[in-house]
Amino acid sequence: MANLKDFIDSLSAIPVYTPAGWENRVVRGVFVSDLISDILVGSGEETLLLTSLLSEQVLRTADVVGAASVVLVNRNKIPANFAQVASKQELPLFRTPLSKFDACVRLGRLMESS
């Protein structure tokens, strides 16, 4: 268990939308998927969701399951409306140019050292 800022720093992620106090959100685990159905049944509250999905539905799903944050991997650009959707849900949203694999390796190392 660590705070969200540690995870985001590890990924060198760039903020798309960050509500006040996002740095102190607790992250209890990481869930990686590009399938909405898997996110609904597999992730839990206070998880960091890594995905390459560029559908607003992934943000709504993250809100439903109580995710701590969403990080879009393999992304230099994302749709402009993503920040607006995330802000309505007060859901921290980040992007990273890292591949899903590289992001998982970095997060695994962070979690081992915690």
C-alpha atoms as a PDB file:
ATOM      1  CA  MET A   1       0.000   0.000   0.000  1.00  0.00           C
ATOM      2  CA  ALA A   2       1.357   3.401  -0.996  1.00  0.00           C
ATOM      3  CA  ASN A   3       0.063   6.795  -1.980  1.00  0.00           C
ATOM      4  CA  LEU A   4      -0.916   7.585  -5.547  1.00  0.00           C
ATOM      5  CA  LYS A   5       1.915  10.074  -6.032  1.00  0.00           C
ATOM      6  CA  ASP A   6       4.509   7.310  -5.604  1.00  0.00           C
ATOM      7  CA  PHE A   7       2.870   5.273  -8.362  1.00  0.00           C
ATOM      8  CA  ILE A   8       2.521   8.235 -10.709  1.00  0.00           C
ATOM      9  CA  ASP A   9       6.126   9.296 -10.151  1.00  0.00           C
ATOM     10  CA  SER A  10       7.277   5.753 -10.889  1.00  0.00           C
ATOM     11  CA  LEU A  11       5.506   5.877 -14.264  1.00  0.00           C
ATOM     12  CA  SER A  12       6.668   9.395 -15.127  1.00  0.00           C
ATOM     13  CA  ALA A  13       3.000   9.961 -15.881  1.00  0.00           C
ATOM     14  CA  ILE A  14       1.606  13.271 -17.044  1.00  0.00           C
ATOM     15  CA  PRO A  15      -1.595  14.579 -15.464  1.00  0.00           C
ATOM     16  CA  VAL A  16      -4.688  14.946 -17.609  1.00  0.00           C
ATOM     17  CA  TYR A  17      -6.961  15.774 -14.678  1.00  0.00           C
ATOM     18  CA  THR A  18      -6.090  15.885 -10.973  1.00  0.00           C
ATOM     19  CA  PRO A  19      -8.545  16.786  -8.220  1.00  0.00           C
ATOM     20  CA  ALA A  20      -7.357  18.447  -5.040  1.00  0.00           C
ATOM     21  CA  GLY A  21      -5.537  16.036  -2.738  1.00  0.00           C
ATOM     22  CA  TRP A  22      -4.967  13.383  -5.393  1.00  0.00           C
ATOM     23  CA  GLU A  23      -1.405  12.803  -4.202  1.00  0.00           C
ATOM     24  CA  ASN A  24      -2.581  11.337  -0.906  1.00  0.00           C
ATOM     25  CA  ARG A  25      -5.056   8.807  -2.274  1.00  0.00           C
ATOM     26  CA  VAL A  26      -4.234   5.315  -1.088  1.00  0.00           C
ATOM     27  CA  VAL A  27      -3.462   2.649  -3.669  1.00  0.00           C
ATOM     28  CA  ARG A  28      -3.909  -0.912  -2.487  1.00  0.00           C
ATOM     29  CA  GLY A  29      -3.138  -2.620  -5.780  1.00  0.00           C
ATOM     30  CA  VAL A  30      -2.801  -2.339  -9.527  1.00  0.00           C
ATOM     31  CA  PHE A  31      -5.159  -3.735 -12.143  1.00  0.00           C
ATOM     32  CA  VAL A  32      -4.250  -3.865 -15.820  1.00  0.00           C
ATOM     33  CA  SER A  33      -6.856  -4.527 -18.486  1.00  0.00           C
ATOM     34  CA  ASP A  34      -8.342  -3.367 -21.758  1.00  0.00           C
ATOM     35  CA  LEU A  35     -11.652  -5.137 -21.199  1.00  0.00           C
ATOM     36  CA  ILE A  36     -14.461  -3.323 -19.393  1.00  0.00           C
ATOM     37  CA  SER A  37     -15.911  -6.649 -18.218  1.00  0.00           C
ATOM     38  CA  ASP A  38     -12.602  -7.625 -16.599  1.00  0.00           C
ATOM     39  CA  ILE A  39     -12.354  -4.269 -14.869  1.00  0.00           C
ATOM     40  CA  LEU A  40     -15.860  -4.677 -13.467  1.00  0.00           C
ATOM     41  CA  VAL A  41     -15.202  -8.104 -11.982  1.00  0.00           C
ATOM     42  CA  GLY A  42     -11.480  -7.980 -11.276  1.00  0.00           C
ATOM     43  CA  SER A  43     -10.532  -4.610  -9.929  1.00  0.00           C
ATOM     44  CA  GLY A  44     -11.448  -3.323  -6.533  1.00  0.00           C
ATOM     45  CA  GLU A  45     -11.582  -0.148  -4.563  1.00  0.00           C
ATOM     46  CA  GLU A  46      -8.415   1.894  -4.288  1.00  0.00           C
ATOM     47  CA  THR A  47      -6.740   0.214  -7.246  1.00  0.00           C
ATOM     48  CA  LEU A  48      -4.675   1.948  -9.866  1.00  0.00           C
ATOM     49  CA  LEU A  49      -6.118   1.023 -13.248  1.00  0.00           C
ATOM     50  CA  LEU A  50      -3.743   0.817 -16.203  1.00  0.00           C
ATOM     51  CA  THR A  51      -5.360   0.602 -19.604  1.00  0.00           C
ATOM     52  CA  SER A  52      -4.898   1.578 -23.216  1.00  0.00           C
ATOM     53  CA  LEU A  53      -8.639   2.023 -23.789  1.00  0.00           C
ATOM     54  CA  LEU A  54      -9.676   5.380 -25.165  1.00  0.00           C
ATOM     55  CA  SER A  55     -13.358   5.140 -24.399  1.00  0.00           C
ATOM     56  CA  GLU A  56     -15.149   7.318 -21.874  1.00  0.00           C
ATOM     57  CA  GLN A  57     -16.653   4.085 -20.607  1.00  0.00           C
ATOM     58  CA  VAL A  58     -13.351   3.103 -18.986  1.00  0.00           C
ATOM     59  CA  LEU A  59     -13.516   6.239 -16.818  1.00  0.00           C
ATOM     60  CA  ARG A  60     -17.109   5.559 -15.837  1.00  0.00           C
ATOM     61  CA  THR A  61     -16.231   1.954 -15.038  1.00  0.00           C
ATOM     62  CA  ALA A  62     -13.277   3.051 -12.913  1.00  0.00           C
ATOM     63  CA  ASP A  63     -15.640   5.284 -10.970  1.00  0.00           C
ATOM     64  CA  VAL A  64     -18.116   2.426 -10.442  1.00  0.00           C
ATOM     65  CA  VAL A  65     -15.459   0.088  -9.018  1.00  0.00           C
ATOM     66  CA  GLY A  66     -13.913   2.807  -6.850  1.00  0.00           C
ATOM     67  CA  ALA A  67     -10.525   2.951  -8.556  1.00  0.00           C
ATOM     68  CA  ALA A  68      -8.031   5.375  -7.044  1.00  0.00           C
ATOM     69  CA  SER A  69      -6.902   6.557 -10.483  1.00  0.00           C
ATOM     70  CA  VAL A  70      -6.623   5.671 -14.161  1.00  0.00           C
ATOM     71  CA  VAL A  71      -3.384   5.748 -16.130  1.00  0.00           C
ATOM     72  CA  LEU A  72      -3.609   5.500 -19.899  1.00  0.00           C
ATOM     73  CA  VAL A  73      -0.569   3.640 -21.236  1.00  0.00           C
ATOM     74  CA  ASN A  74       0.971   3.903 -24.709  1.00  0.00           C
ATOM     75  CA  ARG A  75      -0.415   7.411 -24.971  1.00  0.00           C
ATOM     76  CA  ASN A  76       1.026  10.715 -26.002  1.00  0.00           C
ATOM     77  CA  LYS A  77      -2.369  12.139 -26.889  1.00  0.00           C
ATOM     78  CA  ILE A  78      -5.849  11.403 -25.628  1.00  0.00           C
ATOM     79  CA  PRO A  79      -9.294  12.736 -26.542  1.00  0.00           C
ATOM     80  CA  ALA A  80      -9.964  16.244 -25.247  1.00  0.00           C
ATOM     81  CA  ASN A  81     -13.199  15.217 -23.521  1.00  0.00           C
ATOM     82  CA  PHE A  82     -11.407  12.768 -21.196  1.00  0.00           C
ATOM     83  CA  ALA A  83     -10.395  15.511 -18.769  1.00  0.00           C
ATOM     84  CA  GLN A  84     -13.984  16.729 -18.586  1.00  0.00           C
ATOM     85  CA  VAL A  85     -15.351  13.241 -17.863  1.00  0.00           C
ATOM     86  CA  ALA A  86     -12.675  12.630 -15.200  1.00  0.00           C
ATOM     87  CA  SER A  87     -13.390  15.988 -13.550  1.00  0.00           C
ATOM     88  CA  LYS A  88     -17.103  15.179 -13.216  1.00  0.00           C
ATOM     89  CA  GLN A  89     -16.114  12.048 -11.306  1.00  0.00           C
ATOM     90  CA  GLU A  90     -13.202  13.622  -9.408  1.00  0.00           C
ATOM     91  CA  LEU A  91     -11.107  10.757 -10.798  1.00  0.00           C
ATOM     92  CA  PRO A  92      -7.374  11.404 -11.174  1.00  0.00           C
ATOM     93  CA  LEU A  93      -6.420  10.696 -14.772  1.00  0.00           C
ATOM     94  CA  PHE A  94      -2.895  10.413 -16.147  1.00  0.00           C
ATOM     95  CA  ARG A  95      -1.182   9.360 -19.337  1.00  0.00           C
ATOM     96  CA  THR A  96       2.195   7.791 -19.918  1.00  0.00           C
ATOM     97  CA  PRO A  97       4.053   6.998 -23.125  1.00  0.00           C
ATOM     98  CA  LEU A  98       5.307   3.790 -21.481  1.00  0.00           C
ATOM     99  CA  SER A  99       4.085   0.506 -22.878  1.00  0.00           C
ATOM    100  CA  LYS A 100       1.786  -1.547 -20.702  1.00  0.00           C
ATOM    101  CA  PHE A 101       4.614  -4.017 -20.103  1.00  0.00           C
ATOM    102  CA  ASP A 102       7.138  -1.359 -19.061  1.00  0.00           C
ATOM    103  CA  ALA A 103       4.579   0.304 -16.802  1.00  0.00           C
ATOM    104  CA  CYS A 104       3.857  -3.017 -15.095  1.00  0.00           C
ATOM    105  CA  VAL A 105       7.556  -3.697 -14.553  1.00  0.00           C
ATOM    106  CA  ARG A 106       8.055  -0.290 -12.934  1.00  0.00           C
ATOM    107  CA  LEU A 107       5.018  -0.684 -10.701  1.00  0.00           C
ATOM    108  CA  GLY A 108       6.049  -4.203  -9.731  1.00  0.00           C
ATOM    109  CA  ARG A 109       9.441  -2.914  -8.603  1.00  0.00           C
ATOM    110  CA  LEU A 110       7.768  -0.134  -6.624  1.00  0.00           C
ATOM    111  CA  MET A 111       5.428  -2.559  -4.902  1.00  0.00           C
ATOM    112  CA  GLU A 112       8.276  -4.948  -4.044  1.00  0.00           C
ATOM    113  CA  SER A 113      10.211  -2.162  -2.362  1.00  0.00           C
ATOM    114  CA  SER A 114       7.218  -0.917  -0.328  1.00  0.00           C
END
